[in-house]
Structures are given as structure tokens and as C-alpha cells.
Protein backbone atom coordinates (compact mmCIF):
# COMPACT_ATOMS: atom_id res chain seq x y z
CA UNK A 1 0.00 0.00 0.00
CA UNK A 2 2.98 2.30 0.43
CA UNK A 3 3.87 1.91 -3.24
CA UNK A 4 2.89 5.14 -5.01
CA UNK A 5 2.88 3.38 -8.39
CA UNK A 6 0.54 0.57 -7.29
CA UNK A 7 -2.26 0.19 -9.82
CA UNK A 8 -5.80 0.88 -8.57
CA UNK A 9 -7.03 -2.66 -9.20
CA UNK A 10 -4.06 -4.10 -7.28
CA UNK A 11 -4.61 -1.63 -4.45
CA UNK A 12 -8.24 -2.71 -4.25
CA UNK A 13 -7.19 -6.37 -4.06
CA UNK A 14 -4.82 -5.59 -1.18
CA UNK A 15 -7.60 -3.74 0.63
CA UNK A 16 -9.98 -6.68 0.13
CA UNK A 17 -7.39 -8.97 1.71
CA UNK A 18 -6.96 -6.58 4.66
CA UNK A 19 -10.73 -6.44 5.10
CA UNK A 20 -11.00 -10.25 5.11
CA UNK A 21 -8.08 -10.54 7.51
CA UNK A 22 -9.70 -8.09 9.94
CA UNK A 23 -12.94 -10.06 9.85
CA UNK A 24 -11.01 -13.24 10.67
CA UNK A 25 -8.83 -11.95 13.53
CA UNK A 26 -11.42 -9.55 15.00
CA UNK A 27 -9.92 -7.91 18.10
CA UNK A 28 -6.57 -9.46 17.20
CA UNK A 29 -6.12 -6.52 14.82
CA UNK A 30 -5.63 -4.19 17.80
CA UNK A 31 -1.77 -4.17 17.76
CA UNK A 32 -1.82 -3.03 14.13
CA UNK A 33 -4.38 -0.22 14.45
CA UNK A 34 -1.78 2.58 14.43
CA UNK A 35 -0.24 1.41 11.16
CA UNK A 36 -3.59 0.71 9.51
CA UNK A 37 -4.82 4.21 10.37
CA UNK A 38 -1.72 6.11 9.26
CA UNK A 39 -0.65 4.00 6.27
CA UNK A 40 -4.00 2.86 4.90
CA UNK A 41 -7.04 4.71 6.21
CA UNK A 42 -5.92 8.35 6.18
CA UNK A 43 -4.25 7.99 2.81
CA UNK A 44 -7.06 6.24 0.98
CA UNK A 45 -10.41 6.87 2.66
CA UNK A 46 -11.00 9.85 0.35
CA UNK A 47 -9.44 8.25 -2.73
CA UNK A 48 -10.73 9.38 -6.11
CA UNK A 49 -11.47 5.74 -6.96
CA UNK A 50 -14.85 5.06 -5.38
CA UNK A 51 -14.13 1.35 -4.98
CA UNK A 52 -10.95 2.02 -3.02
CA UNK A 53 -12.51 4.72 -0.82
CA UNK A 54 -15.53 2.52 -0.04
CA UNK A 55 -13.37 -0.50 0.88
CA UNK A 56 -11.21 1.62 3.21
CA UNK A 57 -14.37 2.96 4.85
CA UNK A 58 -15.54 -0.61 5.48
CA UNK A 59 -12.16 -1.50 7.00
CA UNK A 60 -12.47 1.52 9.31
CA UNK A 61 -15.94 0.41 10.36
CA UNK A 62 -14.50 -2.97 11.30
CA UNK A 63 -11.88 -1.27 13.44
CA UNK A 64 -14.68 0.50 15.26
CA UNK A 65 -16.52 -2.79 15.69
CA UNK A 66 -13.61 -4.89 16.97
CA UNK A 67 -11.23 -2.46 18.68
CA UNK A 68 -12.26 -0.93 22.04
CA UNK A 69 -13.19 2.73 21.78
CA UNK A 70 -10.94 3.59 24.73
CA UNK A 71 -8.03 2.38 22.61
CA UNK A 72 -8.78 3.68 19.11
CA UNK A 73 -10.38 7.07 19.74
CA UNK A 74 -7.39 8.59 21.61
CA UNK A 75 -5.21 7.59 18.68
CA UNK A 76 -7.42 9.34 16.13
CA UNK A 77 -7.71 12.41 18.38
CA UNK A 78 -3.92 12.51 18.68
CA UNK A 79 -3.61 12.36 14.89
CA UNK A 80 -6.21 15.12 14.45
CA UNK A 81 -4.53 17.42 16.95
CA UNK A 82 -1.00 16.87 15.71
CA UNK A 83 0.52 20.33 15.21
CA UNK A 84 1.73 19.63 11.68
CA UNK A 85 -1.18 17.60 10.34
CA UNK A 86 -4.12 19.63 11.65
CA UNK A 87 -3.31 22.50 9.29
CA UNK A 88 -3.76 20.26 6.21
CA UNK A 89 -7.46 20.25 5.23
CA UNK A 90 -7.27 16.98 3.27
CA UNK A 91 -5.71 15.15 6.21
CA UNK A 92 -8.27 16.60 8.62
CA UNK A 93 -11.10 15.52 6.31
CA UNK A 94 -9.64 12.00 6.13
CA UNK A 95 -9.36 11.78 9.93
CA UNK A 96 -12.89 13.09 10.46
CA UNK A 97 -14.26 10.58 7.94
CA UNK A 98 -12.51 7.78 9.82
CA UNK A 99 -13.85 9.22 13.05
CA UNK A 100 -17.43 9.03 11.77
CA UNK A 101 -17.09 5.37 10.79
CA UNK A 102 -15.46 4.36 14.07
CA UNK A 103 -18.03 6.19 16.24
CA UNK A 104 -21.04 4.47 14.70
CA UNK A 105 -19.75 0.93 15.06
CA UNK A 106 -17.90 1.38 18.36
CA UNK A 107 -21.12 2.51 20.01
CA UNK A 108 -22.72 -0.82 19.10
CA UNK A 109 -20.22 -3.02 20.86
CA UNK A 110 -18.64 -0.62 23.34
CA UNK A 111 -21.61 1.51 24.43
CA UNK A 112 -20.22 2.14 27.90
CA UNK A 113 -16.94 3.36 26.45
CA UNK A 114 -18.79 5.64 24.02
CA UNK A 115 -20.44 7.42 26.94
CA UNK A 116 -17.03 7.89 28.57
CA UNK A 117 -15.54 9.40 25.43
CA UNK A 118 -18.37 11.51 24.00
CA UNK A 119 -17.44 14.65 25.98
CA UNK A 120 -13.88 14.55 24.65
CA UNK A 121 -15.29 14.13 21.12
CA UNK A 122 -17.50 17.20 21.49
CA UNK A 123 -14.65 19.16 23.07
CA UNK A 124 -12.51 18.32 20.04
CA UNK A 125 -15.15 19.70 17.68
CA UNK A 126 -15.83 22.85 19.72
CA UNK A 127 -12.24 23.77 20.57
CA UNK A 128 -10.71 22.93 17.21
CA UNK A 129 -10.89 25.19 14.17
CA UNK A 130 -13.19 22.83 12.28
CA UNK A 131 -16.35 24.90 12.82
CA UNK A 132 -14.53 28.04 11.63
CA UNK A 133 -12.89 26.30 8.66
CA UNK A 134 -13.24 27.86 5.23
CA UNK A 135 -12.87 24.41 3.69
CA UNK A 136 -16.29 23.03 2.75
CA UNK A 137 -15.10 19.42 2.93
CA UNK A 138 -13.83 19.81 6.50
CA UNK A 139 -17.18 21.33 7.51
CA UNK A 140 -19.07 18.53 5.77
CA UNK A 141 -17.01 15.87 7.59
CA UNK A 142 -17.54 17.68 10.90
CA UNK A 143 -21.29 17.54 10.25
CA UNK A 144 -21.04 13.81 9.57
CA UNK A 145 -19.15 13.23 12.83
CA UNK A 146 -21.75 15.25 14.76
CA UNK A 147 -24.60 13.36 13.12
CA UNK A 148 -23.03 10.03 14.08
CA UNK A 149 -22.51 11.20 17.66
CA UNK A 150 -26.21 12.11 17.87
CA UNK A 151 -27.22 8.86 16.20
CA UNK A 152 -24.97 6.68 18.34
CA UNK A 153 -25.65 8.55 21.56
CA UNK A 154 -29.39 8.03 21.62
CA UNK A 155 -31.60 9.49 24.32
CA UNK A 156 -29.31 8.69 27.23
CA UNK A 157 -26.33 10.60 25.84
CA UNK A 158 -27.99 13.44 23.91
CA UNK A 159 -30.30 14.75 26.62
CA UNK A 160 -27.41 15.70 28.89
CA UNK A 161 -25.51 17.31 26.02
CA UNK A 162 -28.42 19.01 24.27
CA UNK A 163 -26.97 22.52 24.46
CA UNK A 164 -23.51 21.78 23.09
CA UNK A 165 -24.84 19.51 20.32
CA UNK A 166 -27.46 22.08 19.31
CA UNK A 167 -24.89 24.86 19.23
CA UNK A 168 -22.55 22.83 17.01
CA UNK A 169 -25.37 22.05 14.58
CA UNK A 170 -26.56 25.65 14.64
CA UNK A 171 -23.11 26.89 13.67
CA UNK A 172 -22.82 24.32 10.88
CA UNK A 173 -26.33 25.09 9.64
CA UNK A 174 -25.69 28.82 9.59
CA UNK A 175 -22.38 28.56 7.71
CA UNK A 176 -22.71 29.96 4.16
CA UNK A 177 -19.89 27.69 2.92
CA UNK A 178 -22.03 24.55 3.26
CA UNK A 179 -25.44 26.05 2.57
CA UNK A 180 -26.25 23.09 0.31
CA UNK A 181 -25.97 20.77 3.36
CA UNK A 182 -28.79 22.49 5.27
CA UNK A 183 -31.13 19.50 4.72
CA UNK A 184 -28.59 17.21 6.43
CA UNK A 185 -28.26 19.70 9.30
CA UNK A 186 -32.05 19.80 9.65
CA UNK A 187 -32.16 16.00 9.64
CA UNK A 188 -29.62 15.86 12.47
CA UNK A 189 -31.47 18.56 14.41
CA UNK A 190 -34.65 16.54 14.09
CA UNK A 191 -32.84 13.44 15.34
CA UNK A 192 -31.40 15.42 18.26
CA UNK A 193 -34.88 16.69 19.16
CA UNK A 194 -36.21 13.12 19.12
CA UNK A 195 -33.35 11.94 21.34
CA UNK A 196 -34.11 14.80 23.73
CA UNK A 197 -37.78 13.71 23.93
CA UNK A 198 -39.03 16.69 21.92
CA UNK A 199 -41.63 16.55 19.16
CA UNK A 200 -39.87 18.72 16.63
CA UNK A 201 -36.59 20.54 15.93
CA UNK A 202 -38.43 23.85 16.33
CA UNK A 203 -38.82 23.01 20.02
CA UNK A 204 -35.04 22.91 20.30
CA UNK A 205 -34.80 26.45 18.95
CA UNK A 206 -37.42 27.68 21.38
CA UNK A 207 -35.76 26.04 24.37
CA UNK A 208 -32.21 27.11 23.51
CA UNK A 209 -33.07 30.67 22.43
CA UNK A 210 -32.72 32.28 25.87
CA UNK A 211 -29.35 30.78 26.78
CA UNK A 212 -27.81 31.47 23.38
CA UNK A 213 -29.00 35.08 23.39
CA UNK A 214 -27.41 35.50 26.81
CA UNK A 215 -24.14 34.20 25.40
CA UNK A 216 -24.35 36.56 22.42
CA UNK A 217 -24.92 39.60 24.63
CA UNK A 218 -21.31 39.34 25.75
CA UNK A 219 -19.77 40.20 22.38
CA UNK A 220 -22.42 41.17 19.81
CA UNK A 221 -21.03 44.72 19.75
CA UNK A 222 -17.82 43.33 18.23
CA UNK A 223 -19.41 41.33 15.41
CA UNK A 224 -18.06 41.72 11.88
CA UNK A 225 -19.11 40.22 8.57
CA UNK A 226 -17.07 37.05 9.29
CA UNK A 227 -18.12 36.49 12.90
CA UNK A 228 -19.72 33.01 13.17
CA UNK A 229 -22.06 34.18 15.94
CA UNK A 230 -23.85 36.58 13.64
CA UNK A 231 -24.80 33.71 11.29
CA UNK A 232 -25.87 31.66 14.31
CA UNK A 233 -28.01 34.58 15.51
CA UNK A 234 -29.70 34.86 12.13
CA UNK A 235 -30.60 31.18 11.94
CA UNK A 236 -31.58 31.04 15.61
CA UNK A 237 -34.14 33.84 15.55
CA UNK A 238 -35.54 32.85 12.15
CA UNK A 239 -36.18 29.28 13.28
CA UNK A 240 -37.38 30.07 16.80
CA UNK A 241 -40.76 31.19 15.40
CA UNK A 242 -43.04 32.72 18.03
CA UNK A 243 -40.56 32.06 20.85
CA UNK A 244 -38.81 35.32 19.89
CA UNK A 245 -41.70 37.38 21.28
CA UNK A 246 -40.35 36.91 24.80
CA UNK A 247 -36.97 38.32 23.83
CA UNK A 248 -37.82 41.20 21.49
CA UNK A 249 -35.83 43.79 23.40
CA UNK A 250 -32.63 41.74 23.34
CA UNK A 251 -33.06 40.80 19.68
CA UNK A 252 -33.78 44.37 18.55
CA UNK A 253 -30.85 45.66 20.60
CA UNK A 254 -28.50 43.26 18.80
CA UNK A 255 -29.95 44.18 15.39
CA UNK A 256 -29.83 47.93 16.05
CA UNK A 257 -26.19 47.73 17.12
CA UNK A 258 -25.22 45.78 14.04
CA UNK A 259 -26.99 48.07 11.57
CA UNK A 260 -24.87 50.98 12.76
CA UNK A 261 -22.98 52.84 10.04
CA UNK A 262 -19.67 51.70 11.48
CA UNK A 263 -20.48 48.03 10.92
CA UNK A 264 -19.55 45.94 7.88
CA UNK A 265 -21.75 46.32 4.83
CA UNK A 266 -22.68 42.59 4.66
CA UNK A 267 -23.57 42.50 8.34
CA UNK A 268 -25.89 45.51 8.04
CA UNK A 269 -27.68 44.08 4.99
CA UNK A 270 -28.30 40.74 6.71
CA UNK A 271 -29.66 42.42 9.83
CA UNK A 272 -32.14 44.43 7.75
CA UNK A 273 -33.09 41.20 5.97
CA UNK A 274 -33.90 39.80 9.39
CA UNK A 275 -36.20 42.75 10.11
CA UNK A 276 -38.01 42.10 6.83
CA UNK A 277 -38.41 38.46 7.85
CA UNK A 278 -40.12 39.55 11.08
CA UNK A 279 -42.44 41.89 9.21
CA UNK A 280 -43.52 39.10 6.87
CA UNK A 281 -44.27 36.61 9.68
CA UNK A 282 -47.96 37.05 10.51
CA UNK A 283 -47.57 35.11 13.76
CA UNK A 284 -45.29 37.90 15.05
CA UNK A 285 -47.43 40.87 14.01
CA UNK A 286 -49.35 41.20 17.26
CA UNK A 287 -46.07 41.69 19.13
CA UNK A 288 -44.29 43.81 16.53
CA UNK A 289 -46.98 46.48 16.92
CA UNK A 290 -45.65 47.26 20.39
CA UNK A 291 -42.07 47.61 19.13
CA UNK A 292 -42.65 49.14 15.69
CA UNK A 293 -41.75 52.66 16.78
CA UNK A 294 -38.41 51.40 18.11
CA UNK A 295 -37.78 49.58 14.83
CA UNK A 296 -38.46 52.74 12.85
CA UNK A 297 -36.54 55.11 15.09
CA UNK A 298 -33.46 53.04 15.95
CA UNK A 299 -33.06 50.75 12.95
CA UNK A 300 -34.86 51.70 9.74
CA UNK A 301 -34.61 55.49 9.57
CA UNK A 302 -30.89 55.60 10.50
CA UNK A 303 -30.23 52.95 7.82
CA UNK A 304 -31.66 55.22 5.09
CA UNK A 305 -29.01 57.88 5.72
CA UNK A 306 -26.32 58.63 3.17
CA UNK A 307 -22.73 58.53 4.36
CA UNK A 308 -19.76 59.66 2.30
CA UNK A 309 -17.39 56.94 1.17
CA UNK A 310 -19.68 54.08 2.15
CA UNK A 311 -21.35 51.57 -0.22
CA UNK A 312 -24.88 52.03 1.04
CA UNK A 313 -27.41 51.96 -1.82
CA UNK A 314 -28.46 48.37 -1.09
CA UNK A 315 -28.67 49.08 2.64
CA UNK A 316 -30.81 52.19 2.19
CA UNK A 317 -33.07 50.35 -0.25
CA UNK A 318 -33.44 47.43 2.20
CA UNK A 319 -34.46 49.85 4.95
CA UNK A 320 -37.04 51.50 2.70
CA UNK A 321 -38.48 48.11 1.72
CA UNK A 322 -38.92 47.36 5.42
CA UNK A 323 -40.69 50.69 5.87
CA UNK A 324 -42.99 49.78 2.98
CA UNK A 325 -43.78 46.42 4.58
CA UNK A 326 -44.42 48.15 7.91
CA UNK A 327 -47.03 50.46 6.38
CA UNK A 328 -48.58 47.77 4.17
CA UNK A 329 -49.13 45.48 7.14
CA UNK A 330 -50.25 48.41 9.32
CA UNK A 331 -47.95 47.39 12.15
CA UNK A 332 -47.50 50.91 13.47
CA UNK A 333 -50.02 53.46 14.70
CA UNK A 334 -50.45 56.18 12.00
CA UNK A 335 -50.29 58.85 14.71
CA UNK A 336 -46.89 57.55 15.85
CA UNK A 337 -45.52 57.41 12.32
CA UNK A 338 -46.77 60.95 11.66
CA UNK A 339 -44.47 62.15 14.45
CA UNK A 340 -41.57 61.16 12.20
CA UNK A 341 -43.06 62.60 9.00
CA UNK A 342 -40.63 65.51 8.74
CA UNK A 343 -37.61 63.28 9.40
CA UNK A 344 -38.87 60.69 6.93
CA UNK A 345 -39.22 63.34 4.22
CA UNK A 346 -35.65 64.51 4.79
CA UNK A 347 -34.32 60.96 4.58
CA UNK A 348 -36.36 60.23 1.45
CA UNK A 349 -35.19 63.47 -0.14
CA UNK A 350 -31.63 62.24 0.16
CA UNK A 351 -32.59 58.90 -1.40
CA UNK A 352 -34.48 60.58 -4.23
CA UNK A 353 -31.45 62.70 -5.08
CA UNK A 354 -29.16 59.68 -5.51
CA UNK A 355 -28.41 59.82 -9.23
CA UNK A 356 -26.67 56.43 -9.26
CA UNK A 357 -29.34 54.46 -7.40
CA UNK A 358 -32.28 53.96 -9.76
CA UNK A 359 -33.76 51.20 -7.59
CA UNK A 360 -33.27 53.34 -4.50
CA UNK A 361 -35.13 56.29 -6.02
CA UNK A 362 -37.95 54.02 -7.19
CA UNK A 363 -38.30 52.43 -3.74
CA UNK A 364 -38.36 55.88 -2.11
CA UNK A 365 -41.18 57.08 -4.38
CA UNK A 366 -43.18 53.89 -3.75
CA UNK A 367 -42.74 54.37 -0.01
CA UNK A 368 -43.86 58.01 -0.12
CA UNK A 369 -47.01 56.97 -1.99
CA UNK A 370 -47.80 54.23 0.51
CA UNK A 371 -46.95 56.57 3.38
CA UNK A 372 -49.50 59.11 2.14
CA UNK A 373 -52.14 56.39 1.84
CA UNK A 374 -51.33 55.14 5.34
CA UNK A 375 -51.48 58.63 6.85
CA UNK A 376 -54.62 59.73 5.02
CA UNK A 377 -56.53 60.21 8.26
CA UNK A 378 -53.73 62.06 10.09
CA UNK A 379 -51.75 64.04 7.51
CA UNK A 380 -52.64 67.68 6.96
CA UNK A 381 -51.92 70.36 4.35
CA UNK A 382 -48.66 71.31 6.05
CA UNK A 383 -47.43 67.75 5.59
CA UNK A 384 -48.29 67.95 1.89
CA UNK A 385 -46.32 71.18 1.61
CA UNK A 386 -43.33 69.28 2.91
CA UNK A 387 -43.58 66.42 0.46
CA UNK A 388 -44.77 67.96 -2.82
CA UNK A 389 -41.40 69.53 -3.87
CA UNK A 390 -39.68 66.13 -3.71
CA UNK A 391 -42.36 64.55 -5.87
CA UNK A 392 -42.26 67.30 -8.47
CA UNK A 393 -38.49 66.85 -8.88
CA UNK A 394 -39.01 63.16 -9.67
CA UNK A 395 -41.21 64.04 -12.64
CA UNK A 396 -37.92 64.95 -14.34
CA UNK A 397 -36.28 61.64 -13.44
CA UNK A 398 -34.40 59.87 -16.22
CA UNK A 399 -36.23 56.60 -15.51
CA UNK A 400 -39.70 56.22 -17.02
CA UNK A 401 -40.86 53.88 -14.25
CA UNK A 402 -39.97 56.41 -11.57
CA UNK A 403 -41.88 59.18 -13.34
CA UNK A 404 -44.95 56.92 -13.60
CA UNK A 405 -44.71 55.97 -9.92
CA UNK A 406 -44.33 59.66 -9.00
CA UNK A 407 -47.59 60.40 -10.78
CA UNK A 408 -49.31 57.73 -8.70
CA UNK A 409 -47.99 59.38 -5.54
CA UNK A 410 -49.23 62.77 -6.72
CA UNK A 411 -52.68 61.27 -7.34
CA UNK A 412 -52.80 60.18 -3.69
CA UNK A 413 -51.65 63.64 -2.61
CA UNK A 414 -54.44 65.40 -4.49
CA UNK A 415 -56.97 62.89 -3.12
CA UNK A 416 -55.88 63.85 0.39
CA UNK A 417 -55.68 67.58 -0.24
CA UNK A 418 -58.15 69.72 1.67
CA UNK A 419 -59.63 72.68 -0.22
CA UNK A 420 -58.32 75.32 0.12
CA UNK A 421 -54.67 74.14 0.23
CA UNK A 422 -52.67 77.13 -0.98
CA UNK A 423 -53.67 79.04 -4.08
CA UNK A 424 -50.08 79.90 -5.03
CA UNK A 425 -48.67 76.44 -4.34
CA UNK A 426 -51.60 74.76 -6.02
CA UNK A 427 -51.15 76.79 -9.19
CA UNK A 428 -47.39 76.21 -9.18
CA UNK A 429 -47.82 72.46 -8.66
CA UNK A 430 -50.38 72.03 -11.41
CA UNK A 431 -48.25 73.99 -13.90
CA UNK A 432 -45.20 71.88 -13.02
CA UNK A 433 -47.22 68.73 -13.67
CA UNK A 434 -48.93 70.05 -16.81
CA UNK A 435 -45.72 70.35 -18.82
CA UNK A 436 -45.24 66.57 -18.58
CA UNK A 437 -48.25 65.92 -20.75
CA UNK A 438 -45.82 65.92 -23.69
CA UNK A 439 -43.44 63.45 -22.03
CA UNK A 440 -41.75 61.21 -24.65
CA UNK A 441 -43.10 58.14 -22.85
CA UNK A 442 -46.78 57.41 -23.49
CA UNK A 443 -47.26 55.73 -20.09
CA UNK A 444 -46.01 58.88 -18.37
CA UNK A 445 -48.40 61.00 -20.45
CA UNK A 446 -51.34 58.83 -19.33
CA UNK A 447 -50.19 58.94 -15.71
CA UNK A 448 -49.84 62.74 -15.88
CA UNK A 449 -53.38 63.06 -17.25
CA UNK A 450 -54.71 61.08 -14.28
CA UNK A 451 -52.89 63.37 -11.87
CA UNK A 452 -54.39 66.47 -13.44
CA UNK A 453 -57.85 64.92 -13.27
CA UNK A 454 -57.35 64.45 -9.54
CA UNK A 455 -56.02 67.99 -9.23
CA UNK A 456 -59.14 69.37 -10.89
CA UNK A 457 -61.14 68.15 -7.89
CA UNK A 458 -59.48 70.64 -5.54
């Protein structure tokens, strides 16, 4: 097996002989475990030839079946933690694959020894760099090891280690590098829930939410775009469903801190995405109503601000979309939102003047239209005097869609307008709109005509 030039078919024959020999001698293979691991298993368990890799895996399973866990596991752990080898992703993946095979079959014959070693196995996963690895294969193998620990541990072992197992799976499930393995993570979470005498994996999230949020409070102010805890937080609160209602203040505090202008761009975008998720979850609406003003004041409005030298078009657009959702779902008292009308108009003015953000300008116009509809019963003529100049400027926008949407907003404004509004401003506004009847775009012409028809009512 040490011959580099050995042909694949000959290598497979040698492995078949080793497999048969192991079956025959059973625990008599124990003195040779070190050599089999280092010279056969680690080198070939991930071989490109499927036949070779599969045969080596079967040999490793036999080692787990015949060799006491107290003997073989310390050897594999020593190999994994070797200062030179642990920095080589391929070697780590090979060791973790061997680990998975050994764990499953050792637990069958040496159940008492499995219980004695499971804490050291979990400590290896938590304290090593595997969960922070950028190598997808290492992460995938770590998931396989964790799955086998949960599978082999059963109810007796998992219940006492629920928190640490859940946290490992949560970190693996929230890692963008292995997003395609989320179904396997969910499967393991479901198995863990069953072993912990719970009906569903969602119960795990609900139970663990409080303790994990307490842990996150210690360092959430220092999160960056690469901090694993911020991905864990995202997955945790999304999957905890209605359990989050008991921890709104803590959750919103974490989100508000991490949407600050000093935070990484990716982090801020993901936090705003989380706010949108809350706004779309009907089961949370009854609670959001009580915190909507905080969301607007501390998270959404600050996120719409322009800052020099910062890539913020996507962030500002995300914040506006959340404001749109907030008004569409009527999750804030119109009277409370009216208190921020002047500030909102200033923020939207900045967004509407962004020449490079077509989507941003469009979103801002849509929001102003929906805002006027939402505040129909509370807005007055003074509020319309604040907003009309911004809308008139957008009639000259280079984008046809924005000009059409602006006309829709102006229609709402004239529907709301109380007669008399202001004779001078009314005349000026109508004249400014009238000249767009000859807009080169036919849709804009039609939209302008509708606005003037509304204006004729006043």
C-alpha cells in the first residue's frame, strides 16, 4: 500500500485482503491499528477511486466494531490534533471521515466506552478550528461526525448534552460555505430533538433561544461580517418562530447595534433582511406592533441615511423596503408614524437625489405613496407642503418607471388635499405637472393626465 505506483485494481485487491483478515482476527487486529490508520485509512479513505474509498471505509468500520473505543479514539484524536497535520485540510477531512465510521460501530459493541468518550469528542469539535474552517469538505465531515454522535448517543447521551450539540449544529447550519448541506443539518437537528424527547426541531430552537441570546450579549457589539455568531443569531431567531416574542428587546438591541454605520456592509444588509423576515411573519405581528416605533426610530430610519465613502445603496433600499412592509401590514399606529413625518421626508429626499441608485429612487417614491395612503386620516396640508417639492423633482427623473410611480404618488396627494390648500402652491404644482403631458413616454403621459384629473377636484 505504500507503493505510489501501485495500480488501482491491485490496491483494491490488497484492501480486500486486509478487510477479510480483519474479519477473521477480529480484536486481534488491535496491535496493528496505528499502522492501519496512518498508512492505509488516512491515505485512501477519500481516494478518487470510489471502490478504493468505499473499501477503506468498510475497513475503518471494522476497526470500530472490533477495537475498544478507549483504545482507538485517543489515537485518532492525537492524529487530528498533531501540530503539523491539523493544518492540512485533506488530512483533517480524512481523519474526520474515519472518526465518523469508528463512532457508529464502536457505540454498538462498546456503548459504555462511548459514553465515557463523548465529551472529549465534542470538546474536540468545539475547541478545534473545524467549525470556523473555510474548507467546505472539513465542515461537511464535521457535520457527519456530529450526526453520528447524535445517532450513536441516543436518548441517554444526547439529553445531557443538548446545548452543546445544538450549538454545534446551529453553527454548521448557519455557515454559508455549506449552505447546500442544510437538509442534512435539519435532519440531524430533528434526530437530536427526538433523542431529547421533543416533538420537533423547532422546540429545540425555542428552548435554547434564551441561553444562546445571553451568550451573544457578551460580544455582539464586536461582530463583523465574518463572525460566526452573527450567522448563528440569524438562523436562531428565524427558526425560533413565536418564541422570539419573549426576547424582542434583546433581539432588537442586537440588530440595532449591528446596523450601525460603522459596521460591515454585509452585516448591516443581513440584519435588515432579518427585520423584513419579522415583518412578513404574521404570527409575530401582534407583538411587533408594540415595538414598531423602536424599529423605525433606531433601525430603519438611521439605515436610510447617506454617508460619504460608504457603499450604502443596497442598505438604504433594504431599509425603505422594510418601511414599505411596515405600512402595508399596518404594524404601526399612524399617529406615531406621523411624528416622524418631517424626518422621513428629509431621509427620502436624500434617497431621491441619488443619481446612481435607480432602484433606491424608485423604492423611495413607492414608499412616499404608501406613506400618504397610510397617513390619510392624520396628515394635513402642512405635511403635503413638505412632500410635494420632492415629488415634483421626480417628474424629471431619467427613468420612465420612476416618473410613472411619481404620478401615482401625486394622485394620492391630491386625493388627500383639503380645499383650500394654498392658491399659489396649487397653481405652481399644477403647472409643473402640466408640462409633462408631452413626455416622450406614453405611459407617463397617461399617468400625468390622471394626476391632473385628480387635481381638478381641488
